[in-house]
Amino acid sequence: MVSSIPVPVVPIREEHRELFKSINSFVYEYMSSPGHDNSHDYYHILRVLSNTNRIFEAEQKANPDCNYDTSAVFLAAILHDVGDYKYAKPGEDVENQVSRLLQDRGASEELARKVQTIVKHVGYTNETKSPQSVVDMLSKYPELAIVQDADRLDAIGAVGVGRCFAFGGARKEGQPMSVAIDHFDEKLYKLPDMMKTKIGKRMAASRKKILEDFAAQFNEETELSFPLQ
């Protein structure tokens, strides 16, 4: 079954292509395991990889002197949800899970640690709690900006709407659908201002407009025509 999983063709370094193939198989199984819902599944990973590729190509064109580590970029993108606290099993040690996984599959300690560090700093919550830490990591690892933007783009726009409702249905049983719209204000509207790359900012602005239009239509359709007492 694992051997039949298609491998995304991304510009990873030649010496790491077998590693990437192995990681792809692991991530497919990991994101398909019980406990993951379809707001955070393998298709989310593919979309983030696709966003990563688009942003990487644009950044390379705009900044040809910036020597991105493509292996770190795409390994971090495909692994960014491994160890996510929202889906961690009780007692699961997720602190260095990505690094251990990579080294177990033949990655050097240097590459494994670099990818682990990038993955650790991708998340929205991490940045809101420790913004200076993210600033420091961006100066050390410019690859982080690409993966951050790629992941956050999948949280907004039409796909972002779908993921909000998917997560709400899976995790907020018994609550009204409007909790998904509440999440727009809580987090999603803030993401465009947190983008790091030029193309990420542009894509996020257009996707935010989709969120705003959807929220306005949703609120219009759910407004009751009578009072409650």
C-alpha atoms as a PDB file:
ATOM      1  CA  MET A   1       0.000   0.000   0.000  1.00  0.00           C
ATOM      2  CA  VAL A   2       2.717   2.480   1.009  1.00  0.00           C
ATOM      3  CA  SER A   3       4.735   1.883  -2.179  1.00  0.00           C
ATOM      4  CA  SER A   4       1.744   2.956  -4.323  1.00  0.00           C
ATOM      5  CA  ILE A   5       1.482   6.418  -2.755  1.00  0.00           C
ATOM      6  CA  PRO A   6       2.315   9.070  -5.382  1.00  0.00           C
ATOM      7  CA  VAL A   7       5.308  11.208  -4.463  1.00  0.00           C
ATOM      8  CA  PRO A   8       5.069  14.988  -4.965  1.00  0.00           C
ATOM      9  CA  VAL A   9       7.675  16.110  -7.498  1.00  0.00           C
ATOM     10  CA  VAL A  10       9.326  19.080  -5.797  1.00  0.00           C
ATOM     11  CA  PRO A  11      12.803  20.604  -6.285  1.00  0.00           C
ATOM     12  CA  ILE A  12      14.448  18.851  -3.353  1.00  0.00           C
ATOM     13  CA  ARG A  13      18.166  18.122  -3.581  1.00  0.00           C
ATOM     14  CA  GLU A  14      19.074  14.917  -5.434  1.00  0.00           C
ATOM     15  CA  GLU A  15      20.723  13.293  -2.408  1.00  0.00           C
ATOM     16  CA  HIS A  16      17.532  13.666  -0.368  1.00  0.00           C
ATOM     17  CA  ARG A  17      14.948  12.397  -2.862  1.00  0.00           C
ATOM     18  CA  GLU A  18      14.789   8.886  -1.397  1.00  0.00           C
ATOM     19  CA  LEU A  19      14.507  10.412   2.067  1.00  0.00           C
ATOM     20  CA  PHE A  20      11.643  12.615   0.878  1.00  0.00           C
ATOM     21  CA  LYS A  21       9.921   9.598  -0.672  1.00  0.00           C
ATOM     22  CA  SER A  22      10.189   7.712   2.619  1.00  0.00           C
ATOM     23  CA  ILE A  23       8.907  10.705   4.589  1.00  0.00           C
ATOM     24  CA  ASN A  24       6.004  11.114   2.159  1.00  0.00           C
ATOM     25  CA  SER A  25       4.887   7.542   2.876  1.00  0.00           C
ATOM     26  CA  PHE A  26       5.163   8.123   6.621  1.00  0.00           C
ATOM     27  CA  VAL A  27       3.214  11.385   6.482  1.00  0.00           C
ATOM     28  CA  TYR A  28       0.479   9.791   4.370  1.00  0.00           C
ATOM     29  CA  GLU A  29      -0.058   7.129   7.036  1.00  0.00           C
ATOM     30  CA  TYR A  30       0.361   9.587   9.913  1.00  0.00           C
ATOM     31  CA  MET A  31      -2.181  12.090   8.594  1.00  0.00           C
ATOM     32  CA  SER A  32      -4.620   9.286   7.743  1.00  0.00           C
ATOM     33  CA  SER A  33      -4.505   7.768  11.230  1.00  0.00           C
ATOM     34  CA  PRO A  34      -7.517   7.777  13.595  1.00  0.00           C
ATOM     35  CA  GLY A  35      -7.827  11.087  15.365  1.00  0.00           C
ATOM     36  CA  HIS A  36      -7.035  13.256  12.355  1.00  0.00           C
ATOM     37  CA  ASP A  37     -10.005  14.911  10.662  1.00  0.00           C
ATOM     38  CA  ASN A  38     -10.114  16.239   7.126  1.00  0.00           C
ATOM     39  CA  SER A  39      -9.150  19.748   8.168  1.00  0.00           C
ATOM     40  CA  HIS A  40      -5.704  18.314   8.909  1.00  0.00           C
ATOM     41  CA  ASP A  41      -5.176  15.390   6.541  1.00  0.00           C
ATOM     42  CA  TYR A  42      -2.764  14.368   3.796  1.00  0.00           C
ATOM     43  CA  TYR A  43      -4.576  16.598   1.290  1.00  0.00           C
ATOM     44  CA  HIS A  44      -3.810  19.567   3.532  1.00  0.00           C
ATOM     45  CA  ILE A  45      -0.155  18.521   3.340  1.00  0.00           C
ATOM     46  CA  LEU A  46      -0.288  18.386  -0.465  1.00  0.00           C
ATOM     47  CA  ARG A  47      -1.825  21.858  -0.634  1.00  0.00           C
ATOM     48  CA  VAL A  48       0.843  23.241   1.702  1.00  0.00           C
ATOM     49  CA  LEU A  49       3.540  21.627  -0.447  1.00  0.00           C
ATOM     50  CA  SER A  50       1.969  23.214  -3.523  1.00  0.00           C
ATOM     51  CA  ASN A  51       1.865  26.627  -1.837  1.00  0.00           C
ATOM     52  CA  THR A  52       5.462  26.103  -0.738  1.00  0.00           C
ATOM     53  CA  ASN A  53       6.530  25.391  -4.310  1.00  0.00           C
ATOM     54  CA  ARG A  54       4.744  28.489  -5.662  1.00  0.00           C
ATOM     55  CA  ILE A  55       6.244  30.737  -3.000  1.00  0.00           C
ATOM     56  CA  PHE A  56       9.711  29.213  -3.376  1.00  0.00           C
ATOM     57  CA  GLU A  57       9.690  29.792  -7.142  1.00  0.00           C
ATOM     58  CA  ALA A  58       8.570  33.407  -6.698  1.00  0.00           C
ATOM     59  CA  GLU A  59      11.124  34.080  -3.961  1.00  0.00           C
ATOM     60  CA  GLN A  60      13.935  32.542  -6.004  1.00  0.00           C
ATOM     61  CA  LYS A  61      13.013  34.715  -8.968  1.00  0.00           C
ATOM     62  CA  ALA A  62      12.801  37.865  -6.831  1.00  0.00           C
ATOM     63  CA  ASN A  63      15.892  37.079  -4.743  1.00  0.00           C
ATOM     64  CA  PRO A  64      18.264  34.983  -6.883  1.00  0.00           C
ATOM     65  CA  ASP A  65      21.127  35.576  -4.443  1.00  0.00           C
ATOM     66  CA  CYS A  66      19.234  33.968  -1.554  1.00  0.00           C
ATOM     67  CA  ASN A  67      20.505  30.399  -1.326  1.00  0.00           C
ATOM     68  CA  TYR A  68      17.539  28.481   0.065  1.00  0.00           C
ATOM     69  CA  ASP A  69      18.087  24.943   1.326  1.00  0.00           C
ATOM     70  CA  THR A  70      15.433  23.224  -0.773  1.00  0.00           C
ATOM     71  CA  SER A  71      15.663  20.000   1.212  1.00  0.00           C
ATOM     72  CA  ALA A  72      14.906  21.878   4.431  1.00  0.00           C
ATOM     73  CA  VAL A  73      12.085  23.824   2.764  1.00  0.00           C
ATOM     74  CA  PHE A  74      10.169  20.847   1.417  1.00  0.00           C
ATOM     75  CA  LEU A  75      10.894  18.446   4.274  1.00  0.00           C
ATOM     76  CA  ALA A  76       9.625  21.059   6.730  1.00  0.00           C
ATOM     77  CA  ALA A  77       6.539  21.625   4.590  1.00  0.00           C
ATOM     78  CA  ILE A  78       5.639  17.939   4.381  1.00  0.00           C
ATOM     79  CA  LEU A  79       6.370  17.395   8.099  1.00  0.00           C
ATOM     80  CA  HIS A  80       4.914  20.610   9.517  1.00  0.00           C
ATOM     81  CA  ASP A  81       1.933  18.879  11.169  1.00  0.00           C
ATOM     82  CA  VAL A  82       3.861  15.932  12.627  1.00  0.00           C
ATOM     83  CA  GLY A  83       3.787  16.394  16.382  1.00  0.00           C
ATOM     84  CA  ASP A  84       0.914  18.917  16.290  1.00  0.00           C
ATOM     85  CA  TYR A  85      -0.292  19.216  19.896  1.00  0.00           C
ATOM     86  CA  LYS A  86      -3.946  19.303  18.745  1.00  0.00           C
ATOM     87  CA  TYR A  87      -3.673  15.721  17.520  1.00  0.00           C
ATOM     88  CA  ALA A  88      -0.989  14.269  19.793  1.00  0.00           C
ATOM     89  CA  LYS A  89      -1.880  11.041  21.566  1.00  0.00           C
ATOM     90  CA  PRO A  90      -1.774  10.976  25.386  1.00  0.00           C
ATOM     91  CA  GLY A  91       1.817  10.482  26.517  1.00  0.00           C
ATOM     92  CA  GLU A  92       3.231  10.959  23.002  1.00  0.00           C
ATOM     93  CA  ASP A  93       6.652  12.646  23.013  1.00  0.00           C
ATOM     94  CA  VAL A  94       6.418  15.211  20.234  1.00  0.00           C
ATOM     95  CA  GLU A  95       9.231  17.571  21.259  1.00  0.00           C
ATOM     96  CA  ASN A  96      11.835  16.192  18.826  1.00  0.00           C
ATOM     97  CA  GLN A  97       9.648  13.802  16.848  1.00  0.00           C
ATOM     98  CA  VAL A  98      10.532  15.271  13.451  1.00  0.00           C
ATOM     99  CA  SER A  99      14.272  15.187  14.120  1.00  0.00           C
ATOM    100  CA  ARG A 100      14.161  11.577  15.321  1.00  0.00           C
ATOM    101  CA  LEU A 101      12.060  10.539  12.349  1.00  0.00           C
ATOM    102  CA  LEU A 102      14.458  12.088   9.853  1.00  0.00           C
ATOM    103  CA  GLN A 103      17.576  10.638  11.455  1.00  0.00           C
ATOM    104  CA  ASP A 104      15.955   7.198  11.639  1.00  0.00           C
ATOM    105  CA  ARG A 105      15.556   7.440   7.854  1.00  0.00           C
ATOM    106  CA  GLY A 106      19.143   8.458   7.183  1.00  0.00           C
ATOM    107  CA  ALA A 107      19.121  12.252   7.422  1.00  0.00           C
ATOM    108  CA  SER A 108      22.146  13.961   8.905  1.00  0.00           C
ATOM    109  CA  GLU A 109      21.802  15.377  12.394  1.00  0.00           C
ATOM    110  CA  GLU A 110      22.331  18.875  10.983  1.00  0.00           C
ATOM    111  CA  LEU A 111      19.487  18.600   8.470  1.00  0.00           C
ATOM    112  CA  ALA A 112      17.207  16.904  10.994  1.00  0.00           C
ATOM    113  CA  ARG A 113      17.720  19.640  13.568  1.00  0.00           C
ATOM    114  CA  LYS A 114      17.216  22.370  10.984  1.00  0.00           C
ATOM    115  CA  VAL A 115      13.919  20.890   9.800  1.00  0.00           C
ATOM    116  CA  GLN A 116      12.783  20.328  13.397  1.00  0.00           C
ATOM    117  CA  THR A 117      13.517  23.973  14.235  1.00  0.00           C
ATOM    118  CA  ILE A 118      11.601  25.244  11.209  1.00  0.00           C
ATOM    119  CA  VAL A 119       8.619  23.002  11.982  1.00  0.00           C
ATOM    120  CA  LYS A 120       8.600  24.151  15.606  1.00  0.00           C
ATOM    121  CA  HIS A 121       8.274  27.793  14.530  1.00  0.00           C
ATOM    122  CA  VAL A 122       5.685  27.426  11.743  1.00  0.00           C
ATOM    123  CA  GLY A 123       2.602  27.621  13.951  1.00  0.00           C
ATOM    124  CA  TYR A 124       0.424  30.669  14.597  1.00  0.00           C
ATOM    125  CA  THR A 125       0.228  30.051  18.350  1.00  0.00           C
ATOM    126  CA  ASN A 126       3.991  29.793  18.649  1.00  0.00           C
ATOM    127  CA  GLU A 127       4.432  33.137  16.892  1.00  0.00           C
ATOM    128  CA  THR A 128       1.808  34.952  18.971  1.00  0.00           C
ATOM    129  CA  LYS A 129       3.395  33.657  22.181  1.00  0.00           C
ATOM    130  CA  SER A 130       7.030  34.167  21.153  1.00  0.00           C
ATOM    131  CA  PRO A 131       7.199  36.686  18.289  1.00  0.00           C
ATOM    132  CA  GLN A 132      10.851  37.549  18.876  1.00  0.00           C
ATOM    133  CA  SER A 133      11.800  33.890  18.682  1.00  0.00           C
ATOM    134  CA  VAL A 134      10.253  33.725  15.208  1.00  0.00           C
ATOM    135  CA  VAL A 135      12.077  36.898  14.144  1.00  0.00           C
ATOM    136  CA  ASP A 136      15.348  35.354  15.307  1.00  0.00           C
ATOM    137  CA  MET A 137      14.658  32.093  13.477  1.00  0.00           C
ATOM    138  CA  LEU A 138      13.720  33.909  10.261  1.00  0.00           C
ATOM    139  CA  SER A 139      17.106  35.606  10.205  1.00  0.00           C
ATOM    140  CA  LYS A 140      18.823  32.258  10.710  1.00  0.00           C
ATOM    141  CA  TYR A 141      16.549  30.123   8.529  1.00  0.00           C
ATOM    142  CA  PRO A 142      14.884  32.125   5.699  1.00  0.00           C
ATOM    143  CA  GLU A 143      13.208  28.859   4.655  1.00  0.00           C
ATOM    144  CA  LEU A 144      10.833  29.341   7.610  1.00  0.00           C
ATOM    145  CA  ALA A 145       9.115  32.288   5.908  1.00  0.00           C
ATOM    146  CA  ILE A 146       8.176  30.136   2.920  1.00  0.00           C
ATOM    147  CA  VAL A 147       6.742  27.263   4.965  1.00  0.00           C
ATOM    148  CA  GLN A 148       4.905  29.579   7.360  1.00  0.00           C
ATOM    149  CA  ASP A 149       3.194  31.439   4.539  1.00  0.00           C
ATOM    150  CA  ALA A 150       2.377  28.208   2.697  1.00  0.00           C
ATOM    151  CA  ASP A 151       0.638  26.727   5.736  1.00  0.00           C
ATOM    152  CA  ARG A 152      -1.243  29.904   6.595  1.00  0.00           C
ATOM    153  CA  LEU A 153      -2.532  30.323   3.053  1.00  0.00           C
ATOM    154  CA  ASP A 154      -4.337  26.998   3.436  1.00  0.00           C
ATOM    155  CA  ALA A 155      -6.202  28.423   6.440  1.00  0.00           C
ATOM    156  CA  ILE A 156      -7.850  31.236   4.463  1.00  0.00           C
ATOM    157  CA  GLY A 157      -9.813  31.561   1.244  1.00  0.00           C
ATOM    158  CA  ALA A 158     -12.327  28.970   0.057  1.00  0.00           C
ATOM    159  CA  VAL A 159     -10.281  26.078   1.418  1.00  0.00           C
ATOM    160  CA  GLY A 160      -9.973  27.882   4.737  1.00  0.00           C
ATOM    161  CA  VAL A 161     -13.754  28.109   4.978  1.00  0.00           C
ATOM    162  CA  GLY A 162     -14.074  24.393   4.313  1.00  0.00           C
ATOM    163  CA  ARG A 163     -11.398  23.518   6.860  1.00  0.00           C
ATOM    164  CA  CYS A 164     -13.087  25.651   9.532  1.00  0.00           C
ATOM    165  CA  PHE A 165     -16.350  23.776   9.136  1.00  0.00           C
ATOM    166  CA  ALA A 166     -14.562  20.417   8.932  1.00  0.00           C
ATOM    167  CA  PHE A 167     -12.686  21.102  12.179  1.00  0.00           C
ATOM    168  CA  GLY A 168     -15.841  22.382  13.858  1.00  0.00           C
ATOM    169  CA  GLY A 169     -17.800  19.296  12.855  1.00  0.00           C
ATOM    170  CA  ALA A 170     -15.064  16.995  14.124  1.00  0.00           C
ATOM    171  CA  ARG A 171     -14.085  18.800  17.326  1.00  0.00           C
ATOM    172  CA  LYS A 172     -17.008  20.985  18.406  1.00  0.00           C
ATOM    173  CA  GLU A 173     -19.885  18.550  18.538  1.00  0.00           C
ATOM    174  CA  GLY A 174     -23.106  20.056  19.835  1.00  0.00           C
ATOM    175  CA  GLN A 175     -22.108  23.625  18.973  1.00  0.00           C
ATOM    176  CA  PRO A 176     -23.715  25.679  16.188  1.00  0.00           C
ATOM    177  CA  MET A 177     -22.084  26.094  12.788  1.00  0.00           C
ATOM    178  CA  SER A 178     -21.432  29.733  13.619  1.00  0.00           C
ATOM    179  CA  VAL A 179     -18.429  28.729  15.756  1.00  0.00           C
ATOM    180  CA  ALA A 180     -16.597  28.328  12.447  1.00  0.00           C
ATOM    181  CA  ILE A 181     -17.327  31.954  11.580  1.00  0.00           C
ATOM    182  CA  ASP A 182     -16.192  33.030  15.056  1.00  0.00           C
ATOM    183  CA  HIS A 183     -12.784  31.554  14.192  1.00  0.00           C
ATOM    184  CA  PHE A 184     -12.464  34.047  11.339  1.00  0.00           C
ATOM    185  CA  ASP A 185     -12.253  36.903  13.862  1.00  0.00           C
ATOM    186  CA  GLU A 186     -10.267  34.912  16.418  1.00  0.00           C
ATOM    187  CA  LYS A 187      -7.469  34.007  14.021  1.00  0.00           C
ATOM    188  CA  LEU A 188      -7.974  33.890  10.269  1.00  0.00           C
ATOM    189  CA  TYR A 189      -8.440  37.606   9.573  1.00  0.00           C
ATOM    190  CA  LYS A 190      -5.106  38.216  11.324  1.00  0.00           C
ATOM    191  CA  LEU A 191      -3.070  35.913   9.092  1.00  0.00           C
ATOM    192  CA  PRO A 192      -2.557  38.228   6.077  1.00  0.00           C
ATOM    193  CA  ASP A 193      -0.723  40.735   8.295  1.00  0.00           C
ATOM    194  CA  MET A 194       1.566  37.941   9.514  1.00  0.00           C
ATOM    195  CA  MET A 195       2.739  36.862   6.069  1.00  0.00           C
ATOM    196  CA  LYS A 196       6.463  37.164   5.424  1.00  0.00           C
ATOM    197  CA  THR A 197       6.903  36.845   1.646  1.00  0.00           C
ATOM    198  CA  LYS A 198       5.730  39.250  -1.043  1.00  0.00           C
ATOM    199  CA  ILE A 199       3.716  36.622  -2.917  1.00  0.00           C
ATOM    200  CA  GLY A 200       2.332  35.304   0.380  1.00  0.00           C
ATOM    201  CA  LYS A 201       1.024  38.758   1.278  1.00  0.00           C
ATOM    202  CA  ARG A 202      -0.604  39.140  -2.136  1.00  0.00           C
ATOM    203  CA  MET A 203      -2.257  35.715  -2.082  1.00  0.00           C
ATOM    204  CA  ALA A 204      -3.415  36.183   1.507  1.00  0.00           C
ATOM    205  CA  ALA A 205      -5.085  39.517   0.740  1.00  0.00           C
ATOM    206  CA  SER A 206      -7.254  37.991  -1.988  1.00  0.00           C
ATOM    207  CA  ARG A 207      -8.110  34.976   0.160  1.00  0.00           C
ATOM    208  CA  LYS A 208      -9.080  37.198   3.101  1.00  0.00           C
ATOM    209  CA  LYS A 209     -11.639  38.894   0.834  1.00  0.00           C
ATOM    210  CA  ILE A 210     -13.194  35.470   0.207  1.00  0.00           C
ATOM    211  CA  LEU A 211     -13.508  34.946   3.969  1.00  0.00           C
ATOM    212  CA  GLU A 212     -15.112  38.356   4.442  1.00  0.00           C
ATOM    213  CA  ASP A 213     -17.623  37.816   1.633  1.00  0.00           C
ATOM    214  CA  PHE A 214     -18.517  34.365   2.930  1.00  0.00           C
ATOM    215  CA  ALA A 215     -18.974  35.617   6.505  1.00  0.00           C
ATOM    216  CA  ALA A 216     -21.264  38.435   5.334  1.00  0.00           C
ATOM    217  CA  GLN A 217     -23.409  36.021   3.316  1.00  0.00           C
ATOM    218  CA  PHE A 218     -23.485  33.458   6.143  1.00  0.00           C
ATOM    219  CA  ASN A 219     -24.585  36.081   8.663  1.00  0.00           C
ATOM    220  CA  GLU A 220     -27.291  37.330   6.302  1.00  0.00           C
ATOM    221  CA  GLU A 221     -28.675  33.831   5.764  1.00  0.00           C
ATOM    222  CA  THR A 222     -28.607  32.874   9.453  1.00  0.00           C
ATOM    223  CA  GLU A 223     -30.157  36.079  10.815  1.00  0.00           C
ATOM    224  CA  LEU A 224     -33.524  35.169  12.306  1.00  0.00           C
ATOM    225  CA  SER A 225     -36.633  36.995  11.120  1.00  0.00           C
ATOM    226  CA  PHE A 226     -38.176  36.883  14.606  1.00  0.00           C
ATOM    227  CA  PRO A 227     -37.062  37.572  18.191  1.00  0.00           C
ATOM    228  CA  LEU A 228     -36.370  34.893  20.791  1.00  0.00           C
ATOM    229  CA  GLN A 229     -37.791  35.157  24.294  1.00  0.00           C
END
